[in-house]
């Protein structure tokens, strides 16, 4: 089995609803998404996938949808105020925890037909969450 891993950095803000801790307040992170793809054979160039393709497609999606945005649960009461100020937001059906953001990125990568096996979302220098999908690599 061959694997490649690409790390993509982005900044985001969020808060957790129904949470009794510091993360219930709006705050930000310098996040790192670490995306691992795997395949049992290589393409004609000898690659699982070109790193620049991962950066262009996945990094482009992260830049357009998550980077420098507030990631909020769709029923967050602060949403109308942020929208009134034309602040960039990304809405989620669930709390924007590191676990759920890792799954969100994983699901996008999988939707592109890439053989993703896991996404790690580093929220801080010493805290991360991992989501591994059920898709088996080719």
C-alpha atoms as a PDB file:
ATOM      1  CA  UNK A   1       0.000   0.000   0.000  1.00  0.00           C
ATOM      2  CA  UNK A   2       1.291   3.455  -0.935  1.00  0.00           C
ATOM      3  CA  UNK A   3       0.375   6.614   0.975  1.00  0.00           C
ATOM      4  CA  UNK A   4       0.923  10.315   0.483  1.00  0.00           C
ATOM      5  CA  UNK A   5       0.163  13.055   2.962  1.00  0.00           C
ATOM      6  CA  UNK A   6      -0.340  16.769   2.339  1.00  0.00           C
ATOM      7  CA  UNK A   7      -0.579  19.401   5.061  1.00  0.00           C
ATOM      8  CA  UNK A   8      -2.673  22.503   4.407  1.00  0.00           C
ATOM      9  CA  UNK A   9      -2.776  25.465   6.789  1.00  0.00           C
ATOM     10  CA  UNK A  10      -5.671  27.842   7.279  1.00  0.00           C
ATOM     11  CA  UNK A  11      -7.109  30.222   9.854  1.00  0.00           C
ATOM     12  CA  UNK A  12     -10.651  29.962  11.131  1.00  0.00           C
ATOM     13  CA  UNK A  13     -12.878  31.088  13.949  1.00  0.00           C
ATOM     14  CA  UNK A  14     -15.634  29.176  15.681  1.00  0.00           C
ATOM     15  CA  UNK A  15     -17.484  28.571  18.884  1.00  0.00           C
ATOM     16  CA  UNK A  16     -19.317  25.600  20.343  1.00  0.00           C
ATOM     17  CA  UNK A  17     -22.968  25.875  21.299  1.00  0.00           C
ATOM     18  CA  UNK A  18     -24.270  24.040  24.371  1.00  0.00           C
ATOM     19  CA  UNK A  19     -20.699  23.739  25.657  1.00  0.00           C
ATOM     20  CA  UNK A  20     -19.627  24.696  29.175  1.00  0.00           C
ATOM     21  CA  UNK A  21     -16.035  25.740  28.600  1.00  0.00           C
ATOM     22  CA  UNK A  22     -13.907  28.444  27.019  1.00  0.00           C
ATOM     23  CA  UNK A  23     -14.810  27.303  23.512  1.00  0.00           C
ATOM     24  CA  UNK A  24     -18.386  28.525  23.983  1.00  0.00           C
ATOM     25  CA  UNK A  25     -17.026  31.998  23.103  1.00  0.00           C
ATOM     26  CA  UNK A  26     -16.064  33.177  19.620  1.00  0.00           C
ATOM     27  CA  UNK A  27     -12.349  32.562  19.099  1.00  0.00           C
ATOM     28  CA  UNK A  28      -9.899  31.592  16.387  1.00  0.00           C
ATOM     29  CA  UNK A  29      -7.301  28.988  15.462  1.00  0.00           C
ATOM     30  CA  UNK A  30      -4.407  28.543  13.091  1.00  0.00           C
ATOM     31  CA  UNK A  31      -5.457  25.135  11.854  1.00  0.00           C
ATOM     32  CA  UNK A  32      -3.584  22.455   9.954  1.00  0.00           C
ATOM     33  CA  UNK A  33      -5.406  19.889   7.878  1.00  0.00           C
ATOM     34  CA  UNK A  34      -3.275  16.799   7.229  1.00  0.00           C
ATOM     35  CA  UNK A  35      -4.775  14.736   4.411  1.00  0.00           C
ATOM     36  CA  UNK A  36      -3.609  11.172   3.743  1.00  0.00           C
ATOM     37  CA  UNK A  37      -4.397   9.342   0.507  1.00  0.00           C
ATOM     38  CA  UNK A  38      -3.586   5.700  -0.187  1.00  0.00           C
ATOM     39  CA  UNK A  39      -3.561   3.344  -3.138  1.00  0.00           C
ATOM     40  CA  UNK A  40      -2.388  -0.189  -3.783  1.00  0.00           C
ATOM     41  CA  UNK A  41      -0.841   0.851  -7.102  1.00  0.00           C
ATOM     42  CA  UNK A  42       0.683   4.003  -8.534  1.00  0.00           C
ATOM     43  CA  UNK A  43      -0.362   6.019 -11.572  1.00  0.00           C
ATOM     44  CA  UNK A  44       1.698   6.193 -14.772  1.00  0.00           C
ATOM     45  CA  UNK A  45       3.950   8.831 -13.189  1.00  0.00           C
ATOM     46  CA  UNK A  46       4.632   6.640 -10.154  1.00  0.00           C
ATOM     47  CA  UNK A  47       2.394   8.594  -7.758  1.00  0.00           C
ATOM     48  CA  UNK A  48      -0.663   8.011  -5.588  1.00  0.00           C
ATOM     49  CA  UNK A  49      -1.499  11.626  -6.449  1.00  0.00           C
ATOM     50  CA  UNK A  50       0.555  14.681  -7.265  1.00  0.00           C
ATOM     51  CA  UNK A  51       0.971  16.890  -4.182  1.00  0.00           C
ATOM     52  CA  UNK A  52       0.287  19.977  -6.304  1.00  0.00           C
ATOM     53  CA  UNK A  53      -3.097  18.523  -7.338  1.00  0.00           C
ATOM     54  CA  UNK A  54      -4.053  18.002  -3.689  1.00  0.00           C
ATOM     55  CA  UNK A  55      -2.989  21.554  -2.894  1.00  0.00           C
ATOM     56  CA  UNK A  56      -4.843  23.017  -5.871  1.00  0.00           C
ATOM     57  CA  UNK A  57      -8.132  21.166  -5.387  1.00  0.00           C
ATOM     58  CA  UNK A  58      -8.361  20.607  -1.627  1.00  0.00           C
ATOM     59  CA  UNK A  59      -6.386  23.705  -0.664  1.00  0.00           C
ATOM     60  CA  UNK A  60      -8.488  25.740  -3.084  1.00  0.00           C
ATOM     61  CA  UNK A  61     -11.689  24.476  -1.466  1.00  0.00           C
ATOM     62  CA  UNK A  62     -10.364  25.189   2.033  1.00  0.00           C
ATOM     63  CA  UNK A  63      -9.281  28.686   0.963  1.00  0.00           C
ATOM     64  CA  UNK A  64     -12.676  29.427  -0.594  1.00  0.00           C
ATOM     65  CA  UNK A  65     -14.845  27.939   2.162  1.00  0.00           C
ATOM     66  CA  UNK A  66     -13.015  27.732   5.501  1.00  0.00           C
ATOM     67  CA  UNK A  67      -9.997  30.042   5.569  1.00  0.00           C
ATOM     68  CA  UNK A  68     -10.568  33.293   7.491  1.00  0.00           C
ATOM     69  CA  UNK A  69     -14.221  32.433   8.103  1.00  0.00           C
ATOM     70  CA  UNK A  70     -16.293  31.830  11.190  1.00  0.00           C
ATOM     71  CA  UNK A  71     -17.355  28.177  11.201  1.00  0.00           C
ATOM     72  CA  UNK A  72     -20.671  28.077  13.009  1.00  0.00           C
ATOM     73  CA  UNK A  73     -23.515  25.690  13.677  1.00  0.00           C
ATOM     74  CA  UNK A  74     -26.375  26.781  11.427  1.00  0.00           C
ATOM     75  CA  UNK A  75     -28.595  27.722  14.390  1.00  0.00           C
ATOM     76  CA  UNK A  76     -25.983  29.891  16.143  1.00  0.00           C
ATOM     77  CA  UNK A  77     -27.759  33.004  17.469  1.00  0.00           C
ATOM     78  CA  UNK A  78     -24.791  35.237  16.531  1.00  0.00           C
ATOM     79  CA  UNK A  79     -25.270  34.428  12.840  1.00  0.00           C
ATOM     80  CA  UNK A  80     -27.688  37.300  11.982  1.00  0.00           C
ATOM     81  CA  UNK A  81     -25.286  39.848  13.487  1.00  0.00           C
ATOM     82  CA  UNK A  82     -22.329  38.491  11.543  1.00  0.00           C
ATOM     83  CA  UNK A  83     -24.296  38.387   8.296  1.00  0.00           C
ATOM     84  CA  UNK A  84     -25.497  41.964   8.856  1.00  0.00           C
ATOM     85  CA  UNK A  85     -21.831  42.998   9.092  1.00  0.00           C
ATOM     86  CA  UNK A  86     -21.017  41.040   5.910  1.00  0.00           C
ATOM     87  CA  UNK A  87     -18.659  38.784   7.867  1.00  0.00           C
ATOM     88  CA  UNK A  88     -17.655  35.550   6.100  1.00  0.00           C
ATOM     89  CA  UNK A  89     -19.190  32.449   7.670  1.00  0.00           C
ATOM     90  CA  UNK A  90     -19.388  28.743   6.892  1.00  0.00           C
ATOM     91  CA  UNK A  91     -22.422  26.986   8.328  1.00  0.00           C
ATOM     92  CA  UNK A  92     -22.432  23.437   9.604  1.00  0.00           C
ATOM     93  CA  UNK A  93     -25.282  21.188  10.734  1.00  0.00           C
ATOM     94  CA  UNK A  94     -23.202  20.224  13.777  1.00  0.00           C
ATOM     95  CA  UNK A  95     -20.945  22.024  16.231  1.00  0.00           C
ATOM     96  CA  UNK A  96     -17.701  23.034  14.456  1.00  0.00           C
ATOM     97  CA  UNK A  97     -15.470  20.861  16.629  1.00  0.00           C
ATOM     98  CA  UNK A  98     -12.080  19.667  15.407  1.00  0.00           C
ATOM     99  CA  UNK A  99     -13.658  16.231  14.895  1.00  0.00           C
ATOM    100  CA  UNK A 100     -16.463  17.603  12.728  1.00  0.00           C
ATOM    101  CA  UNK A 101     -14.132  19.857  10.725  1.00  0.00           C
ATOM    102  CA  UNK A 102     -11.861  16.866  10.034  1.00  0.00           C
ATOM    103  CA  UNK A 103     -14.890  14.916   8.777  1.00  0.00           C
ATOM    104  CA  UNK A 104     -16.045  17.880   6.679  1.00  0.00           C
ATOM    105  CA  UNK A 105     -12.673  18.047   4.917  1.00  0.00           C
ATOM    106  CA  UNK A 106     -12.542  14.260   4.547  1.00  0.00           C
ATOM    107  CA  UNK A 107     -15.977  14.215   2.935  1.00  0.00           C
ATOM    108  CA  UNK A 108     -14.961  16.923   0.454  1.00  0.00           C
ATOM    109  CA  UNK A 109     -11.763  15.053  -0.480  1.00  0.00           C
ATOM    110  CA  UNK A 110     -13.734  11.819  -0.941  1.00  0.00           C
ATOM    111  CA  UNK A 111     -16.330  13.644  -3.072  1.00  0.00           C
ATOM    112  CA  UNK A 112     -13.522  14.504  -5.498  1.00  0.00           C
ATOM    113  CA  UNK A 113     -12.871  10.790  -6.011  1.00  0.00           C
ATOM    114  CA  UNK A 114      -9.549  10.913  -4.160  1.00  0.00           C
ATOM    115  CA  UNK A 115      -8.548   7.775  -2.216  1.00  0.00           C
ATOM    116  CA  UNK A 116      -8.565   9.509   1.179  1.00  0.00           C
ATOM    117  CA  UNK A 117      -7.984   7.326   4.218  1.00  0.00           C
ATOM    118  CA  UNK A 118      -7.820   9.968   6.935  1.00  0.00           C
ATOM    119  CA  UNK A 119      -7.824  13.645   7.721  1.00  0.00           C
ATOM    120  CA  UNK A 120      -6.192  15.055  10.833  1.00  0.00           C
ATOM    121  CA  UNK A 121      -7.235  18.527  11.919  1.00  0.00           C
ATOM    122  CA  UNK A 122      -4.717  20.223  14.220  1.00  0.00           C
ATOM    123  CA  UNK A 123      -6.619  22.853  16.165  1.00  0.00           C
ATOM    124  CA  UNK A 124      -3.605  23.914  18.224  1.00  0.00           C
ATOM    125  CA  UNK A 125       0.042  22.858  18.393  1.00  0.00           C
ATOM    126  CA  UNK A 126      -0.820  20.082  20.837  1.00  0.00           C
ATOM    127  CA  UNK A 127      -4.438  19.132  20.074  1.00  0.00           C
ATOM    128  CA  UNK A 128      -5.834  17.376  17.036  1.00  0.00           C
ATOM    129  CA  UNK A 129      -8.706  15.204  15.853  1.00  0.00           C
ATOM    130  CA  UNK A 130      -8.633  12.446  13.240  1.00  0.00           C
ATOM    131  CA  UNK A 131     -11.417  11.231  10.964  1.00  0.00           C
ATOM    132  CA  UNK A 132     -10.957   8.004   9.026  1.00  0.00           C
ATOM    133  CA  UNK A 133     -13.565   7.156   6.453  1.00  0.00           C
ATOM    134  CA  UNK A 134     -14.884   3.784   5.478  1.00  0.00           C
ATOM    135  CA  UNK A 135     -13.710   4.111   1.860  1.00  0.00           C
ATOM    136  CA  UNK A 136     -11.087   1.566   0.940  1.00  0.00           C
ATOM    137  CA  UNK A 137      -8.209   2.779  -1.234  1.00  0.00           C
ATOM    138  CA  UNK A 138      -7.830   1.532  -4.806  1.00  0.00           C
END
